[in-house]
C-alpha atoms as a PDB file:
ATOM      1  CA  MET A   1     -55.394 -17.670  21.874  1.00  0.00           C
ATOM      2  CA  ARG A   2     -56.238 -20.768  20.960  1.00  0.00           C
ATOM      3  CA  PHE A   3     -58.935 -22.231  22.590  1.00  0.00           C
ATOM      4  CA  HIS A   4     -59.873 -26.521  22.051  1.00  0.00           C
ATOM      5  CA  VAL A   5     -63.588 -26.332  22.661  1.00  0.00           C
ATOM      6  CA  ALA A   6     -65.964 -29.757  22.044  1.00  0.00           C
ATOM      7  CA  TYR A   7     -69.579 -29.536  21.889  1.00  0.00           C
ATOM      8  CA  ASN A   8     -72.063 -32.811  20.989  1.00  0.00           C
ATOM      9  CA  ASN A   9     -69.044 -35.265  20.334  1.00  0.00           C
ATOM     10  CA  ILE A  10     -67.516 -32.759  17.854  1.00  0.00           C
ATOM     11  CA  ASP A  11     -64.152 -30.880  18.646  1.00  0.00           C
ATOM     12  CA  THR A  12     -61.972 -28.397  17.034  1.00  0.00           C
ATOM     13  CA  VAL A  13     -59.340 -25.367  17.871  1.00  0.00           C
ATOM     14  CA  ILE A  14     -60.885 -22.139  17.231  1.00  0.00           C
ATOM     15  CA  GLU A  15     -58.735 -18.500  18.010  1.00  0.00           C
ATOM     16  CA  ILE A  16     -60.405 -16.218  20.879  1.00  0.00           C
ATOM     17  CA  THR A  17     -59.928 -12.817  20.799  1.00  0.00           C
ATOM     18  CA  PRO A  18     -60.743 -10.092  24.085  1.00  0.00           C
ATOM     19  CA  THR A  19     -63.892  -8.030  23.233  1.00  0.00           C
ATOM     20  CA  HIS A  20     -62.605  -4.823  24.805  1.00  0.00           C
ATOM     21  CA  LYS A  21     -58.577  -4.048  23.684  1.00  0.00           C
ATOM     22  CA  PRO A  22     -57.016  -1.696  26.572  1.00  0.00           C
ATOM     23  CA  LEU A  23     -56.147   2.019  25.118  1.00  0.00           C
ATOM     24  CA  LYS A  24     -52.621   2.994  23.506  1.00  0.00           C
ATOM     25  CA  ARG A  25     -51.355   5.315  26.030  1.00  0.00           C
ATOM     26  CA  HIS A  26     -48.177   7.365  25.674  1.00  0.00           C
ATOM     27  CA  TYR A  27     -46.307  10.539  27.574  1.00  0.00           C
ATOM     28  CA  ARG A  28     -45.773  14.021  26.309  1.00  0.00           C
ATOM     29  CA  ALA A  29     -43.303  16.748  27.800  1.00  0.00           C
ATOM     30  CA  PRO A  30     -45.123  20.464  28.668  1.00  0.00           C
ATOM     31  CA  ASP A  31     -44.035  21.455  25.066  1.00  0.00           C
ATOM     32  CA  GLY A  32     -45.688  18.410  23.089  1.00  0.00           C
ATOM     33  CA  ARG A  33     -42.405  16.021  23.224  1.00  0.00           C
ATOM     34  CA  LYS A  34     -42.721  12.524  23.569  1.00  0.00           C
ATOM     35  CA  VAL A  35     -41.925  10.962  26.940  1.00  0.00           C
ATOM     36  CA  SER A  36     -40.371   7.313  27.088  1.00  0.00           C
ATOM     37  CA  HIS A  37     -38.833   5.340  29.897  1.00  0.00           C
ATOM     38  CA  LEU A  38     -35.302   4.153  29.870  1.00  0.00           C
ATOM     39  CA  ARG A  39     -33.709   1.882  32.766  1.00  0.00           C
ATOM     40  CA  SER A  40     -30.293   3.089  34.051  1.00  0.00           C
ATOM     41  CA  LEU A  41     -27.865   1.473  36.423  1.00  0.00           C
ATOM     42  CA  VAL A  42     -27.246   3.874  39.462  1.00  0.00           C
ATOM     43  CA  PHE A  43     -27.183   2.048  42.894  1.00  0.00           C
ATOM     44  CA  ASP A  44     -28.345  -0.381  45.163  1.00  0.00           C
ATOM     45  CA  ALA A  45     -29.490   2.285  48.397  1.00  0.00           C
ATOM     46  CA  SER A  46     -29.934  -1.081  50.970  1.00  0.00           C
ATOM     47  CA  PHE A  47     -26.405  -2.112  49.642  1.00  0.00           C
ATOM     48  CA  ARG A  48     -24.721   1.392  50.497  1.00  0.00           C
ATOM     49  CA  THR A  49     -26.623   1.365  54.032  1.00  0.00           C
ATOM     50  CA  GLY A  50     -25.078  -1.918  54.549  1.00  0.00           C
ATOM     51  CA  ILE A  51     -21.366  -1.257  54.033  1.00  0.00           C
ATOM     52  CA  LEU A  52     -21.695   2.356  55.923  1.00  0.00           C
ATOM     53  CA  ALA A  53     -23.079   0.355  58.787  1.00  0.00           C
ATOM     54  CA  LYS A  54     -19.919  -1.789  58.890  1.00  0.00           C
ATOM     55  CA  LYS A  55     -17.453   1.730  59.218  1.00  0.00           C
ATOM     56  CA  GLU A  56     -14.341  -0.548  58.704  1.00  0.00           C
ATOM     57  CA  GLY A  57     -12.683   0.183  55.540  1.00  0.00           C
ATOM     58  CA  LEU A  58     -15.329   2.470  53.650  1.00  0.00           C
ATOM     59  CA  SER A  59     -13.350   3.569  50.977  1.00  0.00           C
ATOM     60  CA  ASP A  60     -12.115  -0.016  49.393  1.00  0.00           C
ATOM     61  CA  LEU A  61     -15.793  -0.800  50.604  1.00  0.00           C
ATOM     62  CA  LEU A  62     -17.578   1.605  48.372  1.00  0.00           C
ATOM     63  CA  LYS A  63     -15.164   1.701  44.982  1.00  0.00           C
ATOM     64  CA  LYS A  64     -16.096  -2.641  45.364  1.00  0.00           C
ATOM     65  CA  GLY A  65     -19.036  -3.091  46.215  1.00  0.00           C
ATOM     66  CA  ASP A  66     -20.700   0.313  45.429  1.00  0.00           C
ATOM     67  CA  PRO A  67     -21.945   0.526  41.394  1.00  0.00           C
ATOM     68  CA  ASP A  68     -22.572   4.324  41.709  1.00  0.00           C
ATOM     69  CA  VAL A  69     -18.158   4.705  42.281  1.00  0.00           C
ATOM     70  CA  ASP A  70     -18.047   2.465  39.221  1.00  0.00           C
ATOM     71  CA  ILE A  71     -17.582   5.081  36.295  1.00  0.00           C
ATOM     72  CA  ASP A  72     -17.903   1.915  33.786  1.00  0.00           C
ATOM     73  CA  SER A  73     -21.140   1.154  35.402  1.00  0.00           C
ATOM     74  CA  ALA A  74     -22.868   4.232  36.610  1.00  0.00           C
ATOM     75  CA  GLY A  75     -25.318   5.481  34.253  1.00  0.00           C
ATOM     76  CA  LYS A  76     -25.507   2.826  31.896  1.00  0.00           C
ATOM     77  CA  ASN A  77     -28.598   2.007  30.009  1.00  0.00           C
ATOM     78  CA  LEU A  78     -30.249  -1.448  30.495  1.00  0.00           C
ATOM     79  CA  THR A  79     -31.321  -2.835  27.361  1.00  0.00           C
ATOM     80  CA  ARG A  80     -32.301  -6.214  29.187  1.00  0.00           C
ATOM     81  CA  THR A  81     -32.267  -7.345  32.748  1.00  0.00           C
ATOM     82  CA  THR A  82     -32.554 -10.895  34.561  1.00  0.00           C
ATOM     83  CA  ARG A  83     -34.545 -10.969  37.738  1.00  0.00           C
ATOM     84  CA  ILE A  84     -32.581 -13.797  40.330  1.00  0.00           C
ATOM     85  CA  ALA A  85     -33.480 -14.488  43.506  1.00  0.00           C
ATOM     86  CA  VAL A  86     -30.771 -13.201  46.716  1.00  0.00           C
ATOM     87  CA  ASP A  87     -30.458 -14.041  50.688  1.00  0.00           C
ATOM     88  CA  LYS A  88     -30.567 -11.411  53.178  1.00  0.00           C
ATOM     89  CA  ASP A  89     -27.131 -10.836  52.155  1.00  0.00           C
ATOM     90  CA  LEU A  90     -27.768 -10.373  48.600  1.00  0.00           C
ATOM     91  CA  LYS A  91     -26.363 -13.223  47.556  1.00  0.00           C
ATOM     92  CA  PRO A  92     -27.583 -15.205  44.739  1.00  0.00           C
ATOM     93  CA  ILE A  93     -29.697 -18.457  45.358  1.00  0.00           C
ATOM     94  CA  TYR A  94     -30.088 -20.895  42.344  1.00  0.00           C
ATOM     95  CA  THR A  95     -32.663 -23.301  44.335  1.00  0.00           C
ATOM     96  CA  PHE A  96     -35.506 -22.712  45.961  1.00  0.00           C
ATOM     97  CA  LYS A  97     -39.282 -23.622  46.388  1.00  0.00           C
ATOM     98  CA  GLU A  98     -42.187 -20.640  46.254  1.00  0.00           C
ATOM     99  CA  TRP A  99     -44.403 -20.859  49.575  1.00  0.00           C
ATOM    100  CA  ASP A 100     -47.879 -19.357  49.732  1.00  0.00           C
ATOM    101  CA  VAL A 101     -48.187 -17.202  53.075  1.00  0.00           C
ATOM    102  CA  MET A 102     -52.122 -16.607  54.401  1.00  0.00           C
ATOM    103  CA  THR A 103     -53.196 -14.254  57.140  1.00  0.00           C
ATOM    104  CA  ARG A 104     -55.694 -15.653  58.717  1.00  0.00           C
ATOM    105  CA  PRO A 105     -58.530 -12.548  60.169  1.00  0.00           C
ATOM    106  CA  ASP A 106     -57.209 -13.437  63.593  1.00  0.00           C
ATOM    107  CA  GLY A 107     -53.581 -12.293  62.621  1.00  0.00           C
ATOM    108  CA  THR A 108     -51.934 -15.944  62.379  1.00  0.00           C
ATOM    109  CA  ARG A 109     -50.036 -16.643  59.144  1.00  0.00           C
ATOM    110  CA  GLN A 110     -49.988 -20.288  57.408  1.00  0.00           C
ATOM    111  CA  GLU A 111     -47.282 -21.185  54.899  1.00  0.00           C
ATOM    112  CA  ARG A 112     -47.782 -24.201  52.584  1.00  0.00           C
ATOM    113  CA  PRO A 113     -46.140 -25.188  48.861  1.00  0.00           C
ATOM    114  CA  HIS A 114     -46.723 -23.410  46.346  1.00  0.00           C
ATOM    115  CA  THR A 115     -48.975 -25.183  43.227  1.00  0.00           C
ATOM    116  CA  PRO A 116     -47.989 -23.873  39.403  1.00  0.00           C
ATOM    117  CA  ILE A 117     -51.065 -23.089  37.557  1.00  0.00           C
ATOM    118  CA  HIS A 118     -50.964 -24.684  34.143  1.00  0.00           C
ATOM    119  CA  PRO A 119     -53.702 -23.500  31.332  1.00  0.00           C
ATOM    120  CA  ASN A 120     -56.122 -25.983  30.161  1.00  0.00           C
ATOM    121  CA  ALA A 121     -57.528 -24.070  27.105  1.00  0.00           C
ATOM    122  CA  ASP A 122     -55.694 -25.543  24.574  1.00  0.00           C
ATOM    123  CA  GLU A 123     -54.561 -28.950  25.880  1.00  0.00           C
ATOM    124  CA  ALA A 124     -55.646 -32.667  24.093  1.00  0.00           C
ATOM    125  CA  ILE A 125     -58.736 -32.531  26.549  1.00  0.00           C
ATOM    126  CA  PRO A 126     -61.327 -29.767  24.864  1.00  0.00           C
ATOM    127  CA  VAL A 127     -63.333 -27.576  27.038  1.00  0.00           C
ATOM    128  CA  LYS A 128     -66.489 -28.948  27.001  1.00  0.00           C
ATOM    129  CA  ILE A 129     -69.955 -26.691  26.010  1.00  0.00           C
ATOM    130  CA  THR A 130     -72.186 -28.588  28.064  1.00  0.00           C
ATOM    131  CA  ASP A 131     -75.902 -28.638  27.704  1.00  0.00           C
ATOM    132  CA  LYS A 132     -76.747 -26.752  30.605  1.00  0.00           C
ATOM    133  CA  LEU A 133     -78.455 -23.551  29.265  1.00  0.00           C
ATOM    134  CA  LEU A 134     -79.125 -20.295  32.246  1.00  0.00           C
ATOM    135  CA  ASP A 135     -80.693 -17.220  32.150  1.00  0.00           C
ATOM    136  CA  PRO A 136     -78.912 -14.666  31.436  1.00  0.00           C
ATOM    137  CA  ILE A 137     -80.393 -12.307  34.417  1.00  0.00           C
ATOM    138  CA  GLU A 138     -79.590 -15.454  36.638  1.00  0.00           C
ATOM    139  CA  ILE A 139     -75.658 -15.020  35.313  1.00  0.00           C
ATOM    140  CA  ALA A 140     -76.284 -11.239  35.502  1.00  0.00           C
ATOM    141  CA  THR A 141     -77.600 -12.012  39.485  1.00  0.00           C
ATOM    142  CA  LYS A 142     -74.896 -14.551  40.754  1.00  0.00           C
ATOM    143  CA  PHE A 143     -71.762 -13.764  39.065  1.00  0.00           C
ATOM    144  CA  VAL A 144     -69.229 -10.829  38.763  1.00  0.00           C
ATOM    145  CA  ILE A 145     -68.499 -11.249  35.103  1.00  0.00           C
ATOM    146  CA  SER A 146     -64.780 -10.284  34.589  1.00  0.00           C
ATOM    147  CA  ARG A 147     -63.835 -10.561  30.887  1.00  0.00           C
ATOM    148  CA  SER A 148     -65.281 -11.370  27.940  1.00  0.00           C
ATOM    149  CA  PHE A 149     -63.573 -13.328  24.839  1.00  0.00           C
ATOM    150  CA  PHE A 150     -65.102 -13.625  20.951  1.00  0.00           C
ATOM    151  CA  LEU A 151     -64.531 -17.093  19.924  1.00  0.00           C
ATOM    152  CA  SER A 152     -63.585 -17.048  16.078  1.00  0.00           C
ATOM    153  CA  HIS A 153     -63.592 -19.574  13.377  1.00  0.00           C
ATOM    154  CA  ILE A 154     -60.679 -20.149  11.206  1.00  0.00           C
ATOM    155  CA  ASP A 155     -61.411 -21.974   8.170  1.00  0.00           C
ATOM    156  CA  GLY A 156     -64.925 -23.263   6.514  1.00  0.00           C
ATOM    157  CA  VAL A 157     -65.493 -26.258   8.901  1.00  0.00           C
ATOM    158  CA  SER A 158     -64.751 -24.148  12.140  1.00  0.00           C
ATOM    159  CA  TYR A 159     -67.732 -21.710  11.025  1.00  0.00           C
ATOM    160  CA  LYS A 160     -70.549 -23.968  10.495  1.00  0.00           C
ATOM    161  CA  PHE A 161     -69.780 -25.623  13.829  1.00  0.00           C
ATOM    162  CA  LEU A 162     -69.839 -22.226  15.140  1.00  0.00           C
ATOM    163  CA  PHE A 163     -72.673 -21.250  13.568  1.00  0.00           C
ATOM    164  CA  ASP A 164     -74.751 -23.811  14.849  1.00  0.00           C
ATOM    165  CA  ILE A 165     -73.839 -23.508  18.485  1.00  0.00           C
ATOM    166  CA  ALA A 166     -74.861 -19.772  18.472  1.00  0.00           C
ATOM    167  CA  LYS A 167     -77.601 -20.285  16.637  1.00  0.00           C
ATOM    168  CA  THR A 168     -78.729 -22.902  18.844  1.00  0.00           C
ATOM    169  CA  LEU A 169     -78.224 -20.096  21.792  1.00  0.00           C
ATOM    170  CA  ALA A 170     -79.700 -17.285  19.932  1.00  0.00           C
ATOM    171  CA  VAL A 171     -82.690 -19.737  19.661  1.00  0.00           C
ATOM    172  CA  ALA A 172     -83.497 -20.345  23.037  1.00  0.00           C
ATOM    173  CA  GLY A 173     -82.312 -17.236  24.460  1.00  0.00           C
ATOM    174  CA  LYS A 174     -80.306 -18.497  26.681  1.00  0.00           C
ATOM    175  CA  PHE A 175     -76.268 -19.279  27.871  1.00  0.00           C
ATOM    176  CA  ALA A 176     -74.549 -22.164  27.823  1.00  0.00           C
ATOM    177  CA  ARG A 177     -72.217 -23.579  30.654  1.00  0.00           C
ATOM    178  CA  VAL A 178     -68.699 -24.490  29.430  1.00  0.00           C
ATOM    179  CA  GLN A 179     -66.424 -26.675  31.784  1.00  0.00           C
ATOM    180  CA  ALA A 180     -62.589 -26.839  31.551  1.00  0.00           C
ATOM    181  CA  PHE A 181     -60.739 -30.129  32.808  1.00  0.00           C
ATOM    182  CA  ASP A 182     -57.506 -30.882  34.404  1.00  0.00           C
ATOM    183  CA  PRO A 183     -55.073 -32.318  31.067  1.00  0.00           C
ATOM    184  CA  VAL A 184     -53.545 -34.761  34.372  1.00  0.00           C
ATOM    185  CA  SER A 185     -56.510 -35.966  36.438  1.00  0.00           C
ATOM    186  CA  LYS A 186     -58.795 -35.449  33.265  1.00  0.00           C
ATOM    187  CA  LYS A 187     -61.200 -34.356  36.053  1.00  0.00           C
ATOM    188  CA  PRO A 188     -63.292 -30.757  35.701  1.00  0.00           C
ATOM    189  CA  ALA A 189     -61.055 -27.865  36.820  1.00  0.00           C
ATOM    190  CA  PRO A 190     -61.717 -24.240  36.477  1.00  0.00           C
ATOM    191  CA  LEU A 191     -60.541 -22.660  33.298  1.00  0.00           C
ATOM    192  CA  VAL A 192     -56.996 -21.289  33.111  1.00  0.00           C
ATOM    193  CA  LEU A 193     -56.307 -19.380  29.743  1.00  0.00           C
ATOM    194  CA  ARG A 194     -52.368 -18.727  30.675  1.00  0.00           C
ATOM    195  CA  GLU A 195     -49.388 -19.511  32.544  1.00  0.00           C
ATOM    196  CA  GLY A 196     -50.192 -18.780  36.288  1.00  0.00           C
ATOM    197  CA  ALA A 197     -53.753 -16.822  35.474  1.00  0.00           C
ATOM    198  CA  LYS A 198     -56.183 -16.642  38.299  1.00  0.00           C
ATOM    199  CA  PRO A 199     -58.656 -20.048  38.126  1.00  0.00           C
ATOM    200  CA  LEU A 200     -61.965 -19.140  36.108  1.00  0.00           C
ATOM    201  CA  PRO A 201     -64.481 -21.515  37.997  1.00  0.00           C
ATOM    202  CA  GLY A 202     -67.603 -19.390  36.148  1.00  0.00           C
ATOM    203  CA  VAL A 203     -67.242 -19.270  32.022  1.00  0.00           C
ATOM    204  CA  PHE A 204     -70.680 -19.420  30.162  1.00  0.00           C
ATOM    205  CA  LEU A 205     -71.031 -19.106  26.322  1.00  0.00           C
ATOM    206  CA  GLU A 206     -73.822 -16.467  24.407  1.00  0.00           C
ATOM    207  CA  GLY A 207     -74.896 -16.761  20.820  1.00  0.00           C
ATOM    208  CA  ARG A 208     -76.152 -14.778  18.543  1.00  0.00           C
ATOM    209  CA  VAL A 209     -77.127 -14.633  14.468  1.00  0.00           C
ATOM    210  CA  ARG A 210     -77.787 -12.224  11.799  1.00  0.00           C
ATOM    211  CA  GLY A 211     -78.662 -13.288   8.580  1.00  0.00           C
ATOM    212  CA  GLU A 212     -75.142 -16.217   7.703  1.00  0.00           C
ATOM    213  CA  GLU A 213     -73.089 -13.779  10.572  1.00  0.00           C
ATOM    214  CA  TYR A 214     -73.119 -14.966  14.031  1.00  0.00           C
ATOM    215  CA  CYS A 215     -71.166 -13.837  17.457  1.00  0.00           C
ATOM    216  CA  LEU A 216     -70.355 -16.082  19.876  1.00  0.00           C
ATOM    217  CA  ILE A 217     -68.775 -14.414  23.102  1.00  0.00           C
ATOM    218  CA  LEU A 218     -67.458 -16.062  25.933  1.00  0.00           C
ATOM    219  CA  HIS A 219     -67.934 -15.092  29.623  1.00  0.00           C
ATOM    220  CA  LEU A 220     -65.778 -15.591  32.094  1.00  0.00           C
ATOM    221  CA  SER A 221     -66.184 -14.805  35.951  1.00  0.00           C
ATOM    222  CA  GLU A 222     -63.868 -15.247  38.914  1.00  0.00           C
ATOM    223  CA  GLN A 223     -66.355 -15.579  42.146  1.00  0.00           C
ATOM    224  CA  GLU A 224     -70.178 -15.950  42.647  1.00  0.00           C
ATOM    225  CA  LEU A 225     -72.578 -13.219  44.307  1.00  0.00           C
ATOM    226  CA  LYS A 226     -73.775 -14.760  47.411  1.00  0.00           C
ATOM    227  CA  ILE A 227     -76.631 -13.614  49.417  1.00  0.00           C
ATOM    228  CA  PRO A 228     -75.283 -12.351  53.434  1.00  0.00           C
ATOM    229  CA  ASP A 229     -77.600 -14.314  55.796  1.00  0.00           C
ATOM    230  CA  ALA A 230     -80.219 -12.721  57.438  1.00  0.00           C
ATOM    231  CA  ALA A 231     -80.150 -12.252  61.229  1.00  0.00           C
ATOM    232  CA  SER A 232     -81.642 -15.331  63.014  1.00  0.00           C
ATOM    233  CA  THR A 233     -83.118 -12.379  65.586  1.00  0.00           C
ATOM    234  CA  PRO A 234     -85.248  -9.128  64.323  1.00  0.00           C
ATOM    235  CA  THR A 235     -83.781  -6.147  65.344  1.00  0.00           C
ATOM    236  CA  GLU A 236     -84.675  -4.208  68.102  1.00  0.00           C
ATOM    237  CA  VAL A 237     -85.980  -0.702  68.106  1.00  0.00           C
ATOM    238  CA  GLU A 238     -85.775   1.739  70.767  1.00  0.00           C
ATOM    239  CA  THR A 239     -89.229   3.433  71.349  1.00  0.00           C
ATOM    240  CA  ALA A 240     -89.380   6.929  73.164  1.00  0.00           C
END
């Protein structure tokens, strides 16, 4: 993944890769044969129920509307599918808007237009490595780290750029705060790596060096740990 980053008025495009790759998984039958998944067209249970509820011209309706009766379609293997929006009568809808639905603690529901979330990791305005340094223990106790990425150079110039950053952080024994920006408003904003991904308000950079080797780790946090307020009055203890 491309990552446009800036530090001390110098910016460049580098690559970031996850520190932990997901394990590959496959399935086997009891006799040891590999099992694969295959999509097949059978029938739409809700559609069939709606037809039976009408109780008028069932044979004709089933032939025309139930894919299970269509010999040319039933059991057909599907290699590529497309998701479409439909209304309550299963008719396609070509123009619609998305809404976010929020349920409050008292059970009331509130709707608001959905705002698309666009990535800002590789935009004209680079992600900035700030001069604000934090203690690793402070980060570990105040933030929930959800994912981490390696920062990797793509040429000699970016190697020198990243090596100097890693050395500075390693000598200080601190993590740097990383700030992203909204490409439209140009104001500070949470980091978004992919289209529709969750915004990441907490981004920190860790640096390590060994000889001419370096390691820069980008730690991502979705939420901050907060200590609940202490009770205003002491707890009463019953005595015999």
